[in-house]
Amino acid sequence: MYASMLGTYLPQAAYRHGMRFAVALPPEAASHPELEAASARFRREMKTAALGMALALIPLYALYDWIAFQSLYFVAWLLAFVLLLVRPFRRAFRTTLALKRREGWSAPTARPGKPEEEDEWWANGFTYHNPHDSAVFVAKRVGIGMTVNSASRGGKWFLGVTLGLAAAVLGLACALLLVSELVSPKLELAEKQVRIDYPLHSASFDLGEVAELSLTDEIPRGAKLSGEATGKVLRGSFRLRELGKAQLFVYRDRPPYIRFRLDGRYVYYNEEDPARTRELYERLQGSR
């Protein structure tokens, strides 16, 4: 996305396909001094914004062990990235459109049959907002493909549903990530019934079902089927080498791990404090 945005916007500083900054211009206007100055300022601002956003990615790596906060930071970074890179273009667009009107330039538009004054509805180049046009989808002036006319009735419905669904999915994903970061699995033992509670995954079985209970310092390598696998925790359903199906509720690099061997699956569990894991293991052994 980073390269895509820069690759889409930076070329708009040059006169291409009869347009500059999404404003239709005649060829004789291409080398106007004020347009050249606007282009130079646009390039400087874009390069500054791109460098700033690249530096803003550094905290993303510092949050590697906290995937929820890392993901939230990345979402915020993406929003800031789009808003920051759009600003220089909008400024250059307004300057170019004002100059075109002042000089009285006339040029064919990108869409045959549409008035030249259509320029003003393309403030971002790739977004179109024209209440006088009933079309829902139109060809972009910047980039390739189609965009939505956000002022048409159909466009409003399309954007409303699309953005609403995206916001709902993103909100749910962020909520689940926060839960996973702030809530830890908890093992409870009551009347020989073992229950591991966790909002996203859980496990429940009777101690009598446990074929083998052991304390181990290693977990075989494997693949995640569902759940979380970060640099800090492993939680969810996995398929482990030589063992097969397993449920993991563990802090990585915090051995030992309590291992339950059940019929057709394994369950691994530990506390963040190794001493508490050992105490829990002794309690489980004494209850068998």
C-alpha atoms as a PDB file:
ATOM      1  CA  MET A   1       0.000   0.000   0.000  1.00  0.00           C
ATOM      2  CA  TYR A   2       2.877   2.343   0.840  1.00  0.00           C
ATOM      3  CA  ALA A   3       4.435   1.970  -2.610  1.00  0.00           C
ATOM      4  CA  SER A   4       1.018   1.955  -4.280  1.00  0.00           C
ATOM      5  CA  MET A   5      -0.013   5.315  -2.796  1.00  0.00           C
ATOM      6  CA  LEU A   6       3.296   6.943  -3.670  1.00  0.00           C
ATOM      7  CA  GLY A   7       3.279   5.380  -7.128  1.00  0.00           C
ATOM      8  CA  THR A   8      -0.234   6.700  -7.714  1.00  0.00           C
ATOM      9  CA  TYR A   9       0.169  10.227  -6.394  1.00  0.00           C
ATOM     10  CA  LEU A  10       3.736  11.295  -7.251  1.00  0.00           C
ATOM     11  CA  PRO A  11       3.228  11.055 -11.052  1.00  0.00           C
ATOM     12  CA  GLN A  12       0.292  13.492 -10.769  1.00  0.00           C
ATOM     13  CA  ALA A  13       2.797  16.336 -10.517  1.00  0.00           C
ATOM     14  CA  ALA A  14       3.510  15.862 -14.237  1.00  0.00           C
ATOM     15  CA  TYR A  15       1.192  16.698 -17.139  1.00  0.00           C
ATOM     16  CA  ARG A  16      -0.175  13.339 -18.289  1.00  0.00           C
ATOM     17  CA  HIS A  17      -3.197  12.327 -20.347  1.00  0.00           C
ATOM     18  CA  GLY A  18      -4.325  15.941 -20.560  1.00  0.00           C
ATOM     19  CA  MET A  19      -4.430  16.392 -16.778  1.00  0.00           C
ATOM     20  CA  ARG A  20      -2.376  17.591 -13.862  1.00  0.00           C
ATOM     21  CA  PHE A  21      -3.507  16.911 -10.311  1.00  0.00           C
ATOM     22  CA  ALA A  22      -6.780  15.482 -11.730  1.00  0.00           C
ATOM     23  CA  VAL A  23      -7.618  18.797 -13.428  1.00  0.00           C
ATOM     24  CA  ALA A  24      -8.129  18.731 -17.205  1.00  0.00           C
ATOM     25  CA  LEU A  25      -5.733  21.234 -18.817  1.00  0.00           C
ATOM     26  CA  PRO A  26      -4.822  22.245 -22.378  1.00  0.00           C
ATOM     27  CA  PRO A  27      -1.259  21.415 -23.537  1.00  0.00           C
ATOM     28  CA  GLU A  28      -0.216  25.084 -23.515  1.00  0.00           C
ATOM     29  CA  ALA A  29      -0.880  25.256 -19.758  1.00  0.00           C
ATOM     30  CA  ALA A  30       1.452  22.377 -18.915  1.00  0.00           C
ATOM     31  CA  SER A  31       4.563  24.527 -18.423  1.00  0.00           C
ATOM     32  CA  HIS A  32       2.949  27.465 -16.615  1.00  0.00           C
ATOM     33  CA  PRO A  33       5.369  28.757 -13.900  1.00  0.00           C
ATOM     34  CA  GLU A  34       2.749  28.627 -11.153  1.00  0.00           C
ATOM     35  CA  LEU A  35       1.922  25.020 -12.014  1.00  0.00           C
ATOM     36  CA  GLU A  36       5.598  24.122 -11.968  1.00  0.00           C
ATOM     37  CA  ALA A  37       5.916  25.754  -8.540  1.00  0.00           C
ATOM     38  CA  ALA A  38       2.856  23.854  -7.278  1.00  0.00           C
ATOM     39  CA  SER A  39       4.346  20.604  -8.572  1.00  0.00           C
ATOM     40  CA  ALA A  40       7.685  21.258  -6.875  1.00  0.00           C
ATOM     41  CA  ARG A  41       5.967  21.999  -3.561  1.00  0.00           C
ATOM     42  CA  PHE A  42       3.807  18.900  -3.939  1.00  0.00           C
ATOM     43  CA  ARG A  43       6.859  16.677  -4.471  1.00  0.00           C
ATOM     44  CA  ARG A  44       8.600  18.139  -1.413  1.00  0.00           C
ATOM     45  CA  GLU A  45       5.541  17.672   0.786  1.00  0.00           C
ATOM     46  CA  MET A  46       4.990  14.110  -0.447  1.00  0.00           C
ATOM     47  CA  LYS A  47       8.595  13.121   0.198  1.00  0.00           C
ATOM     48  CA  THR A  48       8.466  14.664   3.679  1.00  0.00           C
ATOM     49  CA  ALA A  49       5.194  12.877   4.458  1.00  0.00           C
ATOM     50  CA  ALA A  50       6.522   9.578   3.107  1.00  0.00           C
ATOM     51  CA  LEU A  51       9.672   9.833   5.229  1.00  0.00           C
ATOM     52  CA  GLY A  52       7.685  10.744   8.338  1.00  0.00           C
ATOM     53  CA  MET A  53       5.311   7.820   7.893  1.00  0.00           C
ATOM     54  CA  ALA A  54       8.226   5.453   7.289  1.00  0.00           C
ATOM     55  CA  LEU A  55       9.781   6.548  10.593  1.00  0.00           C
ATOM     56  CA  ALA A  56       6.385   6.133  12.267  1.00  0.00           C
ATOM     57  CA  LEU A  57       6.575   2.418  11.449  1.00  0.00           C
ATOM     58  CA  ILE A  58       9.464   1.912  13.886  1.00  0.00           C
ATOM     59  CA  PRO A  59       7.195   1.518  16.973  1.00  0.00           C
ATOM     60  CA  LEU A  60       5.427  -1.282  15.100  1.00  0.00           C
ATOM     61  CA  TYR A  61       8.475  -3.499  15.556  1.00  0.00           C
ATOM     62  CA  ALA A  62       8.825  -2.489  19.210  1.00  0.00           C
ATOM     63  CA  LEU A  63       5.278  -3.807  19.778  1.00  0.00           C
ATOM     64  CA  TYR A  64       6.071  -7.241  18.338  1.00  0.00           C
ATOM     65  CA  ASP A  65       5.284  -9.059  21.595  1.00  0.00           C
ATOM     66  CA  TRP A  66       1.936  -7.268  22.001  1.00  0.00           C
ATOM     67  CA  ILE A  67       0.077  -8.186  18.832  1.00  0.00           C
ATOM     68  CA  ALA A  68      -3.161  -6.448  19.868  1.00  0.00           C
ATOM     69  CA  PHE A  69      -1.495  -3.093  20.430  1.00  0.00           C
ATOM     70  CA  GLN A  70       0.663  -3.648  17.357  1.00  0.00           C
ATOM     71  CA  SER A  71      -2.436  -4.231  15.228  1.00  0.00           C
ATOM     72  CA  LEU A  72      -4.244  -1.196  16.644  1.00  0.00           C
ATOM     73  CA  TYR A  73      -1.174   0.931  16.041  1.00  0.00           C
ATOM     74  CA  PHE A  74      -0.963  -0.309  12.457  1.00  0.00           C
ATOM     75  CA  VAL A  75      -4.626   0.549  11.809  1.00  0.00           C
ATOM     76  CA  ALA A  76      -4.037   4.054  13.196  1.00  0.00           C
ATOM     77  CA  TRP A  77      -0.895   4.311  11.074  1.00  0.00           C
ATOM     78  CA  LEU A  78      -2.812   3.353   7.924  1.00  0.00           C
ATOM     79  CA  LEU A  79      -5.479   5.997   8.563  1.00  0.00           C
ATOM     80  CA  ALA A  80      -2.854   8.647   9.243  1.00  0.00           C
ATOM     81  CA  PHE A  81      -0.903   7.547   6.170  1.00  0.00           C
ATOM     82  CA  VAL A  82      -3.873   7.986   3.839  1.00  0.00           C
ATOM     83  CA  LEU A  83      -4.916  11.322   5.352  1.00  0.00           C
ATOM     84  CA  LEU A  84      -1.383  12.694   5.344  1.00  0.00           C
ATOM     85  CA  LEU A  85      -0.628  11.738   1.747  1.00  0.00           C
ATOM     86  CA  VAL A  86      -3.958  13.066   0.482  1.00  0.00           C
ATOM     87  CA  ARG A  87      -3.398  16.560   1.932  1.00  0.00           C
ATOM     88  CA  PRO A  88      -0.589  17.660  -0.430  1.00  0.00           C
ATOM     89  CA  PHE A  89      -2.611  16.451  -3.412  1.00  0.00           C
ATOM     90  CA  ARG A  90      -5.734  18.336  -2.331  1.00  0.00           C
ATOM     91  CA  ARG A  91      -3.694  21.516  -1.909  1.00  0.00           C
ATOM     92  CA  ALA A  92      -2.136  21.114  -5.361  1.00  0.00           C
ATOM     93  CA  PHE A  93      -5.560  20.280  -6.824  1.00  0.00           C
ATOM     94  CA  ARG A  94      -7.105  23.484  -5.442  1.00  0.00           C
ATOM     95  CA  THR A  95      -4.173  25.563  -6.689  1.00  0.00           C
ATOM     96  CA  THR A  96      -4.408  24.044 -10.177  1.00  0.00           C
ATOM     97  CA  LEU A  97      -8.187  24.424 -10.415  1.00  0.00           C
ATOM     98  CA  ALA A  98      -8.042  28.062  -9.247  1.00  0.00           C
ATOM     99  CA  LEU A  99      -5.320  28.805 -11.802  1.00  0.00           C
ATOM    100  CA  LYS A 100      -7.339  27.155 -14.574  1.00  0.00           C
ATOM    101  CA  ARG A 101     -10.355  29.314 -13.785  1.00  0.00           C
ATOM    102  CA  ARG A 102      -8.283  32.470 -13.491  1.00  0.00           C
ATOM    103  CA  GLU A 103      -6.548  31.901 -16.816  1.00  0.00           C
ATOM    104  CA  GLY A 104      -9.727  30.755 -18.549  1.00  0.00           C
ATOM    105  CA  TRP A 105      -8.166  27.545 -19.806  1.00  0.00           C
ATOM    106  CA  SER A 106     -10.386  25.075 -21.619  1.00  0.00           C
ATOM    107  CA  ALA A 107      -9.650  21.396 -22.159  1.00  0.00           C
ATOM    108  CA  PRO A 108     -11.524  18.204 -23.040  1.00  0.00           C
ATOM    109  CA  THR A 109     -12.468  16.182 -19.991  1.00  0.00           C
ATOM    110  CA  ALA A 110     -11.566  12.578 -19.264  1.00  0.00           C
ATOM    111  CA  ARG A 111     -15.182  11.485 -19.737  1.00  0.00           C
ATOM    112  CA  PRO A 112     -16.836  12.317 -23.082  1.00  0.00           C
ATOM    113  CA  GLY A 113     -20.157  14.063 -22.755  1.00  0.00           C
ATOM    114  CA  LYS A 114     -19.392  15.455 -19.291  1.00  0.00           C
ATOM    115  CA  PRO A 115     -18.934  19.190 -18.668  1.00  0.00           C
ATOM    116  CA  GLU A 116     -15.468  20.574 -18.096  1.00  0.00           C
ATOM    117  CA  GLU A 117     -16.620  21.964 -14.745  1.00  0.00           C
ATOM    118  CA  GLU A 118     -16.601  18.357 -13.567  1.00  0.00           C
ATOM    119  CA  ASP A 119     -13.053  19.072 -12.338  1.00  0.00           C
ATOM    120  CA  GLU A 120     -14.304  20.382  -9.007  1.00  0.00           C
ATOM    121  CA  TRP A 121     -15.867  17.041  -8.067  1.00  0.00           C
ATOM    122  CA  TRP A 122     -12.479  15.276  -8.046  1.00  0.00           C
ATOM    123  CA  ALA A 123     -10.869  16.795  -4.952  1.00  0.00           C
ATOM    124  CA  ASN A 124      -8.827  13.668  -4.181  1.00  0.00           C
ATOM    125  CA  GLY A 125      -8.342  12.496  -7.732  1.00  0.00           C
ATOM    126  CA  PHE A 126      -9.716   9.035  -7.018  1.00  0.00           C
ATOM    127  CA  THR A 127     -12.851  10.067  -5.081  1.00  0.00           C
ATOM    128  CA  TYR A 128     -15.798  11.562  -6.953  1.00  0.00           C
ATOM    129  CA  HIS A 129     -18.658  13.525  -5.387  1.00  0.00           C
ATOM    130  CA  ASN A 130     -21.010  15.023  -7.968  1.00  0.00           C
ATOM    131  CA  PRO A 131     -24.668  15.476  -6.936  1.00  0.00           C
ATOM    132  CA  HIS A 132     -25.561  16.349 -10.552  1.00  0.00           C
ATOM    133  CA  ASP A 133     -24.399  12.968 -11.889  1.00  0.00           C
ATOM    134  CA  SER A 134     -26.633   9.925 -11.330  1.00  0.00           C
ATOM    135  CA  ALA A 135     -23.883   7.440 -12.236  1.00  0.00           C
ATOM    136  CA  VAL A 136     -22.852   5.172  -9.364  1.00  0.00           C
ATOM    137  CA  PHE A 137     -19.471   4.087 -10.745  1.00  0.00           C
ATOM    138  CA  VAL A 138     -17.138   6.234 -12.850  1.00  0.00           C
ATOM    139  CA  ALA A 139     -13.589   5.846 -14.147  1.00  0.00           C
ATOM    140  CA  LYS A 140     -10.931   7.293 -11.853  1.00  0.00           C
ATOM    141  CA  ARG A 141      -8.915  10.299 -12.880  1.00  0.00           C
ATOM    142  CA  VAL A 142      -6.005   9.195 -10.703  1.00  0.00           C
ATOM    143  CA  GLY A 143      -4.950   5.560 -10.751  1.00  0.00           C
ATOM    144  CA  ILE A 144      -6.774   2.799 -12.592  1.00  0.00           C
ATOM    145  CA  GLY A 145     -10.189   1.220 -12.312  1.00  0.00           C
ATOM    146  CA  MET A 146     -13.516   2.636 -11.176  1.00  0.00           C
ATOM    147  CA  THR A 147     -14.604   4.672  -8.192  1.00  0.00           C
ATOM    148  CA  VAL A 148     -17.954   5.454  -6.592  1.00  0.00           C
ATOM    149  CA  ASN A 149     -19.876   8.676  -7.007  1.00  0.00           C
ATOM    150  CA  SER A 150     -20.481   9.337  -3.325  1.00  0.00           C
ATOM    151  CA  ALA A 151     -23.136  11.967  -4.112  1.00  0.00           C
ATOM    152  CA  SER A 152     -25.457   9.683  -6.101  1.00  0.00           C
ATOM    153  CA  ARG A 153     -28.206   7.738  -4.356  1.00  0.00           C
ATOM    154  CA  GLY A 154     -26.749   4.372  -5.316  1.00  0.00           C
ATOM    155  CA  GLY A 155     -23.256   5.530  -4.399  1.00  0.00           C
ATOM    156  CA  LYS A 156     -24.387   6.574  -0.940  1.00  0.00           C
ATOM    157  CA  TRP A 157     -25.970   3.173  -0.334  1.00  0.00           C
ATOM    158  CA  PHE A 158     -22.936   1.335  -1.649  1.00  0.00           C
ATOM    159  CA  LEU A 159     -20.480   3.335   0.451  1.00  0.00           C
ATOM    160  CA  GLY A 160     -22.713   3.189   3.519  1.00  0.00           C
ATOM    161  CA  VAL A 161     -23.005  -0.599   3.417  1.00  0.00           C
ATOM    162  CA  THR A 162     -19.349  -1.147   2.490  1.00  0.00           C
ATOM    163  CA  LEU A 163     -17.938   1.211   5.101  1.00  0.00           C
ATOM    164  CA  GLY A 164     -20.397  -0.044   7.715  1.00  0.00           C
ATOM    165  CA  LEU A 165     -19.378  -3.664   7.183  1.00  0.00           C
ATOM    166  CA  ALA A 166     -15.698  -2.746   7.144  1.00  0.00           C
ATOM    167  CA  ALA A 167     -16.057  -0.783  10.386  1.00  0.00           C
ATOM    168  CA  ALA A 168     -17.946  -3.658  12.026  1.00  0.00           C
ATOM    169  CA  VAL A 169     -15.363  -6.255  10.996  1.00  0.00           C
ATOM    170  CA  LEU A 170     -12.475  -4.012  12.003  1.00  0.00           C
ATOM    171  CA  GLY A 171     -14.107  -3.156  15.318  1.00  0.00           C
ATOM    172  CA  LEU A 172     -14.769  -6.817  16.109  1.00  0.00           C
ATOM    173  CA  ALA A 173     -11.216  -7.789  15.167  1.00  0.00           C
ATOM    174  CA  CYS A 174      -9.756  -5.032  17.352  1.00  0.00           C
ATOM    175  CA  ALA A 175     -12.012  -6.024  20.264  1.00  0.00           C
ATOM    176  CA  LEU A 176     -10.956  -9.669  19.992  1.00  0.00           C
ATOM    177  CA  LEU A 177      -7.302  -8.671  19.830  1.00  0.00           C
ATOM    178  CA  LEU A 178      -7.649  -6.511  22.933  1.00  0.00           C
ATOM    179  CA  VAL A 179      -9.380  -9.342  24.772  1.00  0.00           C
ATOM    180  CA  SER A 180      -6.560 -11.695  23.842  1.00  0.00           C
ATOM    181  CA  GLU A 181      -3.988  -9.191  25.086  1.00  0.00           C
ATOM    182  CA  LEU A 182      -5.690  -8.176  28.325  1.00  0.00           C
ATOM    183  CA  VAL A 183      -7.299 -11.488  29.354  1.00  0.00           C
ATOM    184  CA  SER A 184      -5.233 -14.593  30.085  1.00  0.00           C
ATOM    185  CA  PRO A 185      -6.416 -18.232  30.134  1.00  0.00           C
ATOM    186  CA  LYS A 186      -7.280 -19.505  33.609  1.00  0.00           C
ATOM    187  CA  LEU A 187      -7.193 -23.149  34.669  1.00  0.00           C
ATOM    188  CA  GLU A 188      -9.676 -24.187  37.341  1.00  0.00           C
ATOM    189  CA  LEU A 189      -9.936 -27.574  39.070  1.00  0.00           C
ATOM    190  CA  ALA A 190     -13.193 -28.514  40.789  1.00  0.00           C
ATOM    191  CA  GLU A 191     -14.336 -32.030  41.703  1.00  0.00           C
ATOM    192  CA  LYS A 192     -11.780 -33.608  39.381  1.00  0.00           C
ATOM    193  CA  GLN A 193     -13.055 -31.474  36.510  1.00  0.00           C
ATOM    194  CA  VAL A 194     -10.433 -29.411  34.697  1.00  0.00           C
ATOM    195  CA  ARG A 195     -11.642 -26.290  32.948  1.00  0.00           C
ATOM    196  CA  ILE A 196      -9.489 -23.792  31.070  1.00  0.00           C
ATOM    197  CA  ASP A 197     -11.448 -20.598  30.484  1.00  0.00           C
ATOM    198  CA  TYR A 198     -10.506 -18.148  27.770  1.00  0.00           C
ATOM    199  CA  PRO A 199     -12.852 -15.860  25.779  1.00  0.00           C
ATOM    200  CA  LEU A 200     -11.752 -17.097  22.364  1.00  0.00           C
ATOM    201  CA  HIS A 201     -10.897 -20.724  23.115  1.00  0.00           C
ATOM    202  CA  SER A 202     -11.566 -23.034  26.044  1.00  0.00           C
ATOM    203  CA  ALA A 203     -11.071 -26.631  27.149  1.00  0.00           C
ATOM    204  CA  SER A 204     -12.917 -28.845  29.602  1.00  0.00           C
ATOM    205  CA  PHE A 205     -12.321 -32.467  30.618  1.00  0.00           C
ATOM    206  CA  ASP A 206     -12.403 -34.808  33.588  1.00  0.00           C
ATOM    207  CA  LEU A 207      -9.147 -35.822  35.255  1.00  0.00           C
ATOM    208  CA  GLY A 208     -10.213 -39.399  34.699  1.00  0.00           C
ATOM    209  CA  GLU A 209      -9.920 -38.796  30.944  1.00  0.00           C
ATOM    210  CA  VAL A 210      -6.259 -37.838  31.271  1.00  0.00           C
ATOM    211  CA  ALA A 211      -4.119 -40.758  30.094  1.00  0.00           C
ATOM    212  CA  GLU A 212      -0.913 -38.971  31.039  1.00  0.00           C
ATOM    213  CA  LEU A 213      -0.143 -35.856  33.062  1.00  0.00           C
ATOM    214  CA  SER A 214       3.386 -34.527  32.805  1.00  0.00           C
ATOM    215  CA  LEU A 215       5.541 -31.445  33.177  1.00  0.00           C
ATOM    216  CA  THR A 216       7.713 -30.628  30.179  1.00  0.00           C
ATOM    217  CA  ASP A 217      10.114 -27.893  29.149  1.00  0.00           C
ATOM    218  CA  GLU A 218       9.441 -28.181  25.428  1.00  0.00           C
ATOM    219  CA  ILE A 219       6.530 -28.072  23.016  1.00  0.00           C
ATOM    220  CA  PRO A 220       6.954 -29.765  19.619  1.00  0.00           C
ATOM    221  CA  ARG A 221       6.868 -27.538  16.572  1.00  0.00           C
ATOM    222  CA  GLY A 222       3.644 -27.400  14.650  1.00  0.00           C
ATOM    223  CA  ALA A 223       1.096 -25.322  12.759  1.00  0.00           C
ATOM    224  CA  LYS A 224      -1.712 -23.140  14.042  1.00  0.00           C
ATOM    225  CA  LEU A 225      -5.217 -24.176  13.021  1.00  0.00           C
ATOM    226  CA  SER A 226      -7.008 -21.332  14.804  1.00  0.00           C
ATOM    227  CA  GLY A 227      -6.195 -18.894  17.577  1.00  0.00           C
ATOM    228  CA  GLU A 228      -3.077 -16.870  18.303  1.00  0.00           C
ATOM    229  CA  ALA A 229       0.582 -17.511  17.678  1.00  0.00           C
ATOM    230  CA  THR A 230       2.705 -14.512  18.632  1.00  0.00           C
ATOM    231  CA  GLY A 231       6.177 -14.039  19.936  1.00  0.00           C
ATOM    232  CA  LYS A 232       4.699 -14.045  23.429  1.00  0.00           C
ATOM    233  CA  VAL A 233       1.852 -16.591  23.535  1.00  0.00           C
ATOM    234  CA  LEU A 234       0.393 -19.657  21.829  1.00  0.00           C
ATOM    235  CA  ARG A 235      -3.353 -19.977  22.339  1.00  0.00           C
ATOM    236  CA  GLY A 236      -5.854 -22.004  20.373  1.00  0.00           C
ATOM    237  CA  SER A 237      -5.916 -25.136  18.240  1.00  0.00           C
ATOM    238  CA  PHE A 238      -2.682 -26.455  16.741  1.00  0.00           C
ATOM    239  CA  ARG A 239      -1.349 -29.519  14.978  1.00  0.00           C
ATOM    240  CA  LEU A 240       1.968 -30.545  16.535  1.00  0.00           C
ATOM    241  CA  ARG A 241       4.600 -32.740  14.960  1.00  0.00           C
ATOM    242  CA  GLU A 242       4.482 -36.347  16.144  1.00  0.00           C
ATOM    243  CA  LEU A 243       1.545 -35.568  18.462  1.00  0.00           C
ATOM    244  CA  GLY A 244      -1.234 -34.370  16.183  1.00  0.00           C
ATOM    245  CA  LYS A 245      -4.111 -32.229  17.431  1.00  0.00           C
ATOM    246  CA  ALA A 246      -3.457 -30.071  20.478  1.00  0.00           C
ATOM    247  CA  GLN A 247      -4.850 -27.114  22.361  1.00  0.00           C
ATOM    248  CA  LEU A 248      -2.259 -24.679  23.655  1.00  0.00           C
ATOM    249  CA  PHE A 249      -2.712 -22.114  26.406  1.00  0.00           C
ATOM    250  CA  VAL A 250       0.900 -21.171  27.007  1.00  0.00           C
ATOM    251  CA  TYR A 251       3.349 -18.330  27.387  1.00  0.00           C
ATOM    252  CA  ARG A 252       6.251 -18.957  25.067  1.00  0.00           C
ATOM    253  CA  ASP A 253       9.717 -19.171  26.575  1.00  0.00           C
ATOM    254  CA  ARG A 254       8.185 -19.571  30.053  1.00  0.00           C
ATOM    255  CA  PRO A 255       8.649 -23.304  30.760  1.00  0.00           C
ATOM    256  CA  PRO A 256       7.667 -25.607  32.267  1.00  0.00           C
ATOM    257  CA  TYR A 257       4.405 -26.538  30.571  1.00  0.00           C
ATOM    258  CA  ILE A 258       1.731 -28.845  31.970  1.00  0.00           C
ATOM    259  CA  ARG A 259       0.859 -31.475  29.370  1.00  0.00           C
ATOM    260  CA  PHE A 260      -2.411 -33.409  29.403  1.00  0.00           C
ATOM    261  CA  ARG A 261      -2.632 -36.409  27.072  1.00  0.00           C
ATOM    262  CA  LEU A 262      -6.255 -37.149  26.272  1.00  0.00           C
ATOM    263  CA  ASP A 263      -7.938 -39.442  23.781  1.00  0.00           C
ATOM    264  CA  GLY A 264      -6.886 -38.101  20.363  1.00  0.00           C
ATOM    265  CA  ARG A 265      -5.485 -34.779  21.524  1.00  0.00           C
ATOM    266  CA  TYR A 266      -3.110 -32.975  23.852  1.00  0.00           C
ATOM    267  CA  VAL A 267      -3.583 -29.900  25.991  1.00  0.00           C
ATOM    268  CA  TYR A 268      -0.694 -27.691  27.105  1.00  0.00           C
ATOM    269  CA  TYR A 269      -1.000 -25.049  29.792  1.00  0.00           C
ATOM    270  CA  ASN A 270       1.274 -22.843  31.862  1.00  0.00           C
ATOM    271  CA  GLU A 271       1.249 -19.695  33.952  1.00  0.00           C
ATOM    272  CA  GLU A 272       3.447 -16.696  33.227  1.00  0.00           C
ATOM    273  CA  ASP A 273       5.251 -17.400  36.509  1.00  0.00           C
ATOM    274  CA  PRO A 274       7.030 -20.809  36.295  1.00  0.00           C
ATOM    275  CA  ALA A 275       6.691 -21.290  40.066  1.00  0.00           C
ATOM    276  CA  ARG A 276       2.904 -21.035  39.818  1.00  0.00           C
ATOM    277  CA  THR A 277       2.918 -23.568  36.986  1.00  0.00           C
ATOM    278  CA  ARG A 278       4.768 -26.070  39.176  1.00  0.00           C
ATOM    279  CA  GLU A 279       2.394 -25.456  42.086  1.00  0.00           C
ATOM    280  CA  LEU A 280      -0.593 -26.051  39.812  1.00  0.00           C
ATOM    281  CA  TYR A 281       0.983 -29.238  38.467  1.00  0.00           C
ATOM    282  CA  GLU A 282       1.484 -30.612  41.991  1.00  0.00           C
ATOM    283  CA  ARG A 283      -2.131 -29.813  42.798  1.00  0.00           C
ATOM    284  CA  LEU A 284      -3.319 -31.646  39.690  1.00  0.00           C
ATOM    285  CA  GLN A 285      -1.142 -34.649  40.502  1.00  0.00           C
ATOM    286  CA  GLY A 286      -2.536 -34.781  44.016  1.00  0.00           C
ATOM    287  CA  SER A 287      -6.127 -34.738  42.733  1.00  0.00           C
ATOM    288  CA  ARG A 288      -5.795 -37.751  40.429  1.00  0.00           C
END
